[in-house]
Amino acid sequence: MTAVDPTTTGRVLEGAAMPVRPTATRRRRGRKGASDLSLRGKVLRYVVLSLAAVVTIFPFYAMVVLSLKPAAAIDFPASLLPTNLTTEAYDRVLGAGNIGTWLVNTLVYSVVSVVAVLLLASMAGYAFAKKKFPGREAMFWSFLAMVMVPYHVTLIPTFILIAQAGGLDTYWGLILPTLANAQAVFLMRQFILDLPDELFEAAKLDGASEWRIFLRIVLPLCKPILATLGTFVFLWHWNDFLWPLIIGQGTDHWTLTVGIASLQQQDVPLNMVLAGATISFVPIFASYLVAQRFFVEGVTSSGIKG
């Protein structure tokens, strides 16, 4: 028999019993590689978003800087540098006789339209979402089909109707044709559809009337979508050009967009035109800042579900 060295046997058994595991160095390298890839992805994302932001903001920057330049020949790219700035163009624009009238007309057109569109759209959306009546679906989809009709197709018939009714050069003639907003009704219906029916049933059991349910339950719960729609409608009407141009026969009934466009035909310096455009942009930007929180919430919770 061959003698076996117990010391050697113990070392062999001990070595065979040890499991094979990744070393700590290899694990650290794996985590470091994953973190490097994640960091590169974040850096690339931030770079792309920064470039997109610069491209988006640059036209507004150029508009503001050029509006603050003296009335002289524009020399690119030197004129885009924020040097030698002056408020001369703003003084001349704000001192013009018609700019105040155009601003008031635009405010009336936009604010009244926002209030009326939100009221009518919320009422129609509530009826289409929670009320049951014969022909509801056919009526809703027929009304929504208006979105597929090009806006320019209806301009001439609408103008003829408003002119025959005596609405030329009037506020009601400017505002009334824009109140039937199918997109606003659709968004309101989609939002109200997600409201629980138990709320309305409980209110009816408590004896609440339809008007009270609408004013005390529907409108407070619809604040996000109302803020979103209000921002959109205000933007649409503030920037509207074609309908105010057609319905306003005289300069006293023009809006800012029409008035600023007319400046380009009167040999007005470029800095004055851009100053008027900047003045027209400020209320839109301010309204978005005020309603930003509700705007984002309304966009993410309406028109996507259902």
Protein backbone atom coordinates (compact mmCIF):
# COMPACT_ATOMS: atom_id res chain seq x y z
CA MET A 1 0.00 0.00 0.00
CA THR A 2 1.14 3.48 -0.82
CA ALA A 3 1.34 5.93 2.04
CA VAL A 4 -0.70 9.09 1.71
CA ASP A 5 0.56 12.34 3.08
CA PRO A 6 -2.29 13.76 5.20
CA THR A 7 -0.96 17.32 4.77
CA THR A 8 -1.12 17.08 0.97
CA THR A 9 -4.58 15.53 1.03
CA GLY A 10 -5.92 18.33 3.21
CA ARG A 11 -4.60 20.99 0.86
CA VAL A 12 -6.11 19.23 -2.16
CA LEU A 13 -9.51 18.86 -0.52
CA GLU A 14 -9.43 22.43 0.72
CA GLY A 15 -8.65 23.69 -2.78
CA ALA A 16 -11.39 21.55 -4.35
CA ALA A 17 -13.97 22.80 -1.86
CA MET A 18 -13.43 26.51 -2.66
CA PRO A 19 -16.07 27.86 -5.13
CA VAL A 20 -15.04 29.89 -8.16
CA ARG A 21 -16.46 33.46 -7.78
CA PRO A 22 -15.86 36.74 -9.67
CA THR A 23 -13.20 38.78 -8.06
CA ALA A 24 -13.98 42.10 -6.40
CA THR A 25 -11.87 43.85 -9.01
CA ARG A 26 -13.99 42.47 -11.84
CA ARG A 27 -17.20 43.55 -10.11
CA ARG A 28 -15.83 47.04 -9.59
CA ARG A 29 -14.84 47.25 -13.25
CA GLY A 30 -18.34 46.16 -14.30
CA ARG A 31 -20.01 48.79 -12.11
CA LYS A 32 -17.59 51.44 -13.34
CA GLY A 33 -18.29 50.56 -16.97
CA ALA A 34 -22.06 50.74 -16.42
CA SER A 35 -21.76 54.08 -14.62
CA ASP A 36 -19.57 55.44 -17.44
CA LEU A 37 -22.17 54.45 -20.03
CA SER A 38 -24.94 56.04 -17.95
CA LEU A 39 -22.90 59.24 -17.54
CA ARG A 40 -22.19 59.41 -21.29
CA GLY A 41 -25.90 58.95 -22.04
CA LYS A 42 -26.83 61.79 -19.67
CA VAL A 43 -24.17 64.08 -21.11
CA LEU A 44 -25.32 63.33 -24.67
CA ARG A 45 -28.95 63.95 -23.72
CA TYR A 46 -28.13 67.27 -22.08
CA VAL A 47 -26.07 68.35 -25.09
CA VAL A 48 -28.89 67.54 -27.52
CA LEU A 49 -31.48 69.30 -25.35
CA SER A 50 -29.20 72.33 -24.96
CA LEU A 51 -28.72 72.59 -28.72
CA ALA A 52 -32.48 72.29 -29.27
CA ALA A 53 -33.08 75.02 -26.67
CA VAL A 54 -30.55 77.34 -28.34
CA VAL A 55 -32.12 76.80 -31.79
CA THR A 56 -35.59 77.47 -30.34
CA ILE A 57 -34.66 80.57 -28.34
CA PHE A 58 -32.40 82.17 -30.96
CA PRO A 59 -35.23 83.75 -33.07
CA PHE A 60 -36.66 85.40 -29.94
CA TYR A 61 -33.22 86.59 -28.92
CA ALA A 62 -32.64 88.07 -32.38
CA MET A 63 -36.07 89.75 -32.32
CA VAL A 64 -35.41 91.44 -28.97
CA VAL A 65 -31.81 92.48 -29.74
CA LEU A 66 -32.62 93.88 -33.19
CA SER A 67 -35.60 95.78 -31.77
CA LEU A 68 -33.19 97.51 -29.37
CA LYS A 69 -30.80 98.57 -32.15
CA PRO A 70 -30.82 102.05 -33.72
CA ALA A 71 -32.67 102.57 -36.98
CA ALA A 72 -29.78 101.73 -39.28
CA ALA A 73 -28.78 99.07 -41.75
CA ILE A 74 -28.61 95.60 -40.23
CA ASP A 75 -25.16 94.03 -40.41
CA PHE A 76 -25.14 90.31 -39.66
CA PRO A 77 -23.80 88.84 -37.46
CA ALA A 78 -22.47 91.98 -35.76
CA SER A 79 -25.98 93.34 -35.21
CA LEU A 80 -26.87 90.31 -33.07
CA LEU A 81 -24.38 91.32 -30.39
CA PRO A 82 -26.04 93.06 -27.39
CA THR A 83 -24.16 96.34 -27.84
CA ASN A 84 -25.25 99.90 -28.57
CA LEU A 85 -28.80 99.20 -27.37
CA THR A 86 -31.53 101.83 -27.29
CA THR A 87 -35.27 101.95 -26.60
CA GLU A 88 -35.91 104.39 -29.45
CA ALA A 89 -38.01 101.91 -31.43
CA TYR A 90 -40.22 101.11 -28.43
CA ASP A 91 -40.75 104.79 -27.72
CA ARG A 92 -41.86 105.39 -31.30
CA VAL A 93 -44.11 102.32 -31.41
CA LEU A 94 -45.79 103.02 -28.08
CA GLY A 95 -46.12 106.67 -29.00
CA ALA A 96 -47.94 105.88 -32.24
CA GLY A 97 -51.61 106.77 -32.29
CA ASN A 98 -53.01 103.35 -33.20
CA ILE A 99 -50.87 100.96 -31.13
CA GLY A 100 -53.01 101.46 -28.01
CA THR A 101 -56.22 100.84 -29.96
CA TRP A 102 -54.78 97.72 -31.57
CA LEU A 103 -53.69 96.43 -28.16
CA VAL A 104 -57.14 96.99 -26.65
CA ASN A 105 -58.82 95.30 -29.62
CA THR A 106 -56.53 92.29 -29.27
CA LEU A 107 -57.13 92.03 -25.53
CA VAL A 108 -60.90 92.19 -25.94
CA TYR A 109 -60.82 89.67 -28.78
CA SER A 110 -58.60 87.23 -26.87
CA VAL A 111 -59.97 87.51 -23.32
CA VAL A 112 -63.67 87.47 -24.23
CA SER A 113 -63.09 84.56 -26.61
CA VAL A 114 -61.25 82.59 -23.91
CA VAL A 115 -64.06 83.03 -21.38
CA ALA A 116 -66.80 82.22 -23.89
CA VAL A 117 -65.03 79.23 -25.44
CA LEU A 118 -64.21 77.70 -22.04
CA LEU A 119 -67.78 78.12 -20.82
CA LEU A 120 -69.41 76.70 -23.95
CA ALA A 121 -66.85 73.90 -24.37
CA SER A 122 -67.13 72.79 -20.73
CA MET A 123 -70.92 72.73 -20.92
CA ALA A 124 -70.90 70.76 -24.17
CA GLY A 125 -68.17 68.44 -22.92
CA TYR A 126 -70.13 67.70 -19.75
CA ALA A 127 -73.28 66.94 -21.74
CA PHE A 128 -71.47 64.66 -24.21
CA ALA A 129 -69.54 62.87 -21.43
CA LYS A 130 -72.10 62.35 -18.66
CA LYS A 131 -75.57 62.91 -20.09
CA LYS A 132 -77.58 60.34 -22.03
CA PHE A 133 -79.91 61.59 -24.75
CA PRO A 134 -80.96 60.32 -28.19
CA GLY A 135 -78.41 60.93 -30.91
CA ARG A 136 -75.62 61.88 -28.50
CA GLU A 137 -72.85 59.97 -30.27
CA ALA A 138 -73.98 60.97 -33.76
CA MET A 139 -74.20 64.62 -32.70
CA PHE A 140 -70.78 64.54 -31.07
CA TRP A 141 -68.97 62.94 -34.00
CA SER A 142 -70.76 65.22 -36.46
CA PHE A 143 -69.62 68.21 -34.45
CA LEU A 144 -66.10 66.82 -34.23
CA ALA A 145 -66.05 66.40 -38.02
CA MET A 146 -65.79 70.20 -38.20
CA VAL A 147 -62.11 69.79 -37.35
CA MET A 148 -61.57 68.15 -40.74
CA VAL A 149 -63.06 71.12 -42.62
CA PRO A 150 -60.29 73.57 -43.61
CA TYR A 151 -60.64 76.91 -41.86
CA HIS A 152 -60.21 78.87 -45.08
CA VAL A 153 -63.17 77.11 -46.71
CA THR A 154 -65.57 78.69 -44.23
CA LEU A 155 -64.14 82.21 -44.38
CA ILE A 156 -66.24 83.54 -47.26
CA PRO A 157 -69.61 82.11 -46.08
CA THR A 158 -68.90 83.32 -42.54
CA PHE A 159 -67.95 86.78 -43.77
CA ILE A 160 -71.15 87.03 -45.84
CA LEU A 161 -73.32 86.05 -42.87
CA ILE A 162 -71.58 88.46 -40.48
CA ALA A 163 -71.69 91.29 -43.04
CA GLN A 164 -75.43 90.79 -43.68
CA ALA A 165 -76.03 90.82 -39.92
CA GLY A 166 -74.15 94.13 -39.57
CA GLY A 167 -71.13 92.71 -37.77
CA LEU A 168 -68.37 94.42 -39.76
CA ASP A 169 -66.10 96.61 -37.63
CA THR A 170 -67.71 95.34 -34.41
CA TYR A 171 -66.42 93.27 -31.51
CA TRP A 172 -69.25 90.76 -31.69
CA GLY A 173 -68.62 90.21 -35.39
CA LEU A 174 -64.97 89.56 -34.60
CA ILE A 175 -65.62 87.19 -31.69
CA LEU A 176 -68.83 85.29 -32.47
CA PRO A 177 -67.61 83.05 -35.37
CA THR A 178 -64.69 81.73 -33.29
CA LEU A 179 -66.74 80.42 -30.36
CA ALA A 180 -67.74 77.05 -31.89
CA ASN A 181 -64.45 75.30 -31.11
CA ALA A 182 -64.70 71.56 -31.81
CA GLN A 183 -61.21 70.83 -30.48
CA ALA A 184 -62.04 72.44 -27.14
CA VAL A 185 -65.26 70.42 -26.86
CA PHE A 186 -63.37 67.21 -27.62
CA LEU A 187 -60.70 67.85 -24.99
CA MET A 188 -63.30 68.76 -22.36
CA ARG A 189 -65.30 65.61 -23.09
CA GLN A 190 -62.21 63.40 -22.83
CA PHE A 191 -61.27 64.94 -19.50
CA ILE A 192 -64.77 64.78 -17.98
CA LEU A 193 -65.16 61.14 -19.07
CA ASP A 194 -62.49 60.19 -16.52
CA LEU A 195 -64.35 61.85 -13.62
CA PRO A 196 -66.07 59.23 -11.40
CA ASP A 197 -69.82 58.90 -11.90
CA GLU A 198 -70.28 58.42 -8.14
CA LEU A 199 -69.65 62.14 -7.60
CA PHE A 200 -72.56 63.13 -9.82
CA GLU A 201 -74.85 60.44 -8.43
CA ALA A 202 -74.12 61.55 -4.85
CA ALA A 203 -74.81 65.16 -5.77
CA LYS A 204 -78.14 64.22 -7.34
CA LEU A 205 -79.10 62.24 -4.22
CA ASP A 206 -78.38 65.36 -2.17
CA GLY A 207 -80.82 67.29 -4.37
CA ALA A 208 -78.28 69.34 -6.33
CA SER A 209 -79.52 70.83 -9.59
CA GLU A 210 -77.70 70.42 -12.88
CA TRP A 211 -76.35 73.96 -12.73
CA ARG A 212 -75.06 73.42 -9.21
CA ILE A 213 -73.38 70.16 -10.20
CA PHE A 214 -71.77 71.89 -13.16
CA LEU A 215 -70.58 74.90 -11.16
CA ARG A 216 -69.58 73.15 -7.91
CA ILE A 217 -68.24 69.82 -9.17
CA VAL A 218 -67.42 69.88 -12.88
CA LEU A 219 -65.65 73.24 -13.16
CA PRO A 220 -63.45 72.89 -10.02
CA LEU A 221 -62.32 69.42 -11.10
CA CYS A 222 -61.58 70.68 -14.63
CA LYS A 223 -59.11 73.38 -13.59
CA PRO A 224 -56.09 71.72 -15.26
CA ILE A 225 -57.77 71.28 -18.64
CA LEU A 226 -59.42 74.69 -18.40
CA ALA A 227 -56.01 76.30 -17.86
CA THR A 228 -54.58 74.33 -20.78
CA LEU A 229 -57.43 75.23 -23.10
CA GLY A 230 -57.40 78.82 -21.92
CA THR A 231 -53.72 79.11 -22.83
CA PHE A 232 -54.29 77.54 -26.25
CA VAL A 233 -57.35 79.65 -27.05
CA PHE A 234 -55.64 82.83 -25.88
CA LEU A 235 -52.66 82.01 -28.09
CA TRP A 236 -54.85 81.24 -31.11
CA HIS A 237 -56.80 84.47 -30.84
CA TRP A 238 -53.85 86.69 -29.93
CA ASN A 239 -51.95 85.51 -33.02
CA ASP A 240 -54.98 85.34 -35.31
CA PHE A 241 -54.43 87.38 -38.44
CA LEU A 242 -56.72 86.41 -41.29
CA TRP A 243 -60.15 86.79 -39.67
CA PRO A 244 -59.37 90.15 -37.95
CA LEU A 245 -57.96 91.38 -41.27
CA ILE A 246 -61.17 90.48 -43.10
CA ILE A 247 -63.69 91.66 -40.52
CA GLY A 248 -61.89 94.90 -39.62
CA GLN A 249 -62.53 97.37 -42.41
CA GLY A 250 -60.82 100.32 -40.71
CA THR A 251 -57.59 100.74 -38.76
CA ASP A 252 -59.51 101.45 -35.55
CA HIS A 253 -60.72 97.84 -35.46
CA TRP A 254 -57.45 96.10 -36.30
CA THR A 255 -55.66 93.79 -33.90
CA LEU A 256 -51.93 93.84 -33.14
CA THR A 257 -51.09 91.22 -35.75
CA VAL A 258 -52.85 93.16 -38.49
CA GLY A 259 -51.39 96.46 -37.33
CA ILE A 260 -47.82 95.15 -37.15
CA ALA A 261 -48.18 93.60 -40.61
CA SER A 262 -49.31 96.98 -41.94
CA LEU A 263 -46.12 98.59 -40.61
CA GLN A 264 -44.09 96.53 -43.06
CA GLN A 265 -45.97 98.17 -45.94
CA GLN A 266 -45.34 101.73 -44.70
CA ASP A 267 -41.54 101.85 -45.06
CA VAL A 268 -41.15 101.57 -41.27
CA PRO A 269 -37.64 100.68 -39.97
CA LEU A 270 -37.07 97.04 -39.07
CA ASN A 271 -36.37 97.83 -35.43
CA MET A 272 -39.88 99.32 -35.06
CA VAL A 273 -41.50 96.26 -36.64
CA LEU A 274 -39.58 93.96 -34.30
CA ALA A 275 -40.40 96.18 -31.33
CA GLY A 276 -44.09 95.77 -32.14
CA ALA A 277 -43.60 92.00 -32.46
CA THR A 278 -41.87 91.91 -29.07
CA ILE A 279 -44.71 93.84 -27.45
CA SER A 280 -47.15 91.38 -28.99
CA PHE A 281 -45.14 88.41 -27.68
CA VAL A 282 -44.91 89.50 -24.04
CA PRO A 283 -48.60 88.86 -23.05
CA ILE A 284 -48.49 85.36 -24.56
CA PHE A 285 -45.34 84.48 -22.64
CA ALA A 286 -46.74 85.93 -19.42
CA SER A 287 -49.99 83.99 -19.74
CA TYR A 288 -48.05 80.75 -20.20
CA LEU A 289 -45.93 81.43 -17.12
CA VAL A 290 -49.05 82.04 -15.04
CA ALA A 291 -50.78 78.83 -16.19
CA GLN A 292 -47.67 76.67 -16.61
CA ARG A 293 -48.39 74.23 -13.77
CA PHE A 294 -51.99 73.62 -14.85
CA PHE A 295 -50.91 73.58 -18.50
CA VAL A 296 -48.52 70.67 -18.07
CA GLU A 297 -50.98 68.77 -15.90
CA GLY A 298 -53.80 69.28 -18.37
CA VAL A 299 -51.75 68.17 -21.38
CA THR A 300 -50.74 64.93 -19.68
CA SER A 301 -54.23 64.08 -18.42
CA SER A 302 -56.51 64.99 -21.33
CA GLY A 303 -56.85 63.98 -24.95
CA ILE A 304 -54.60 60.95 -24.41
CA LYS A 305 -56.89 58.56 -22.54
CA GLY A 306 -60.14 57.10 -23.77
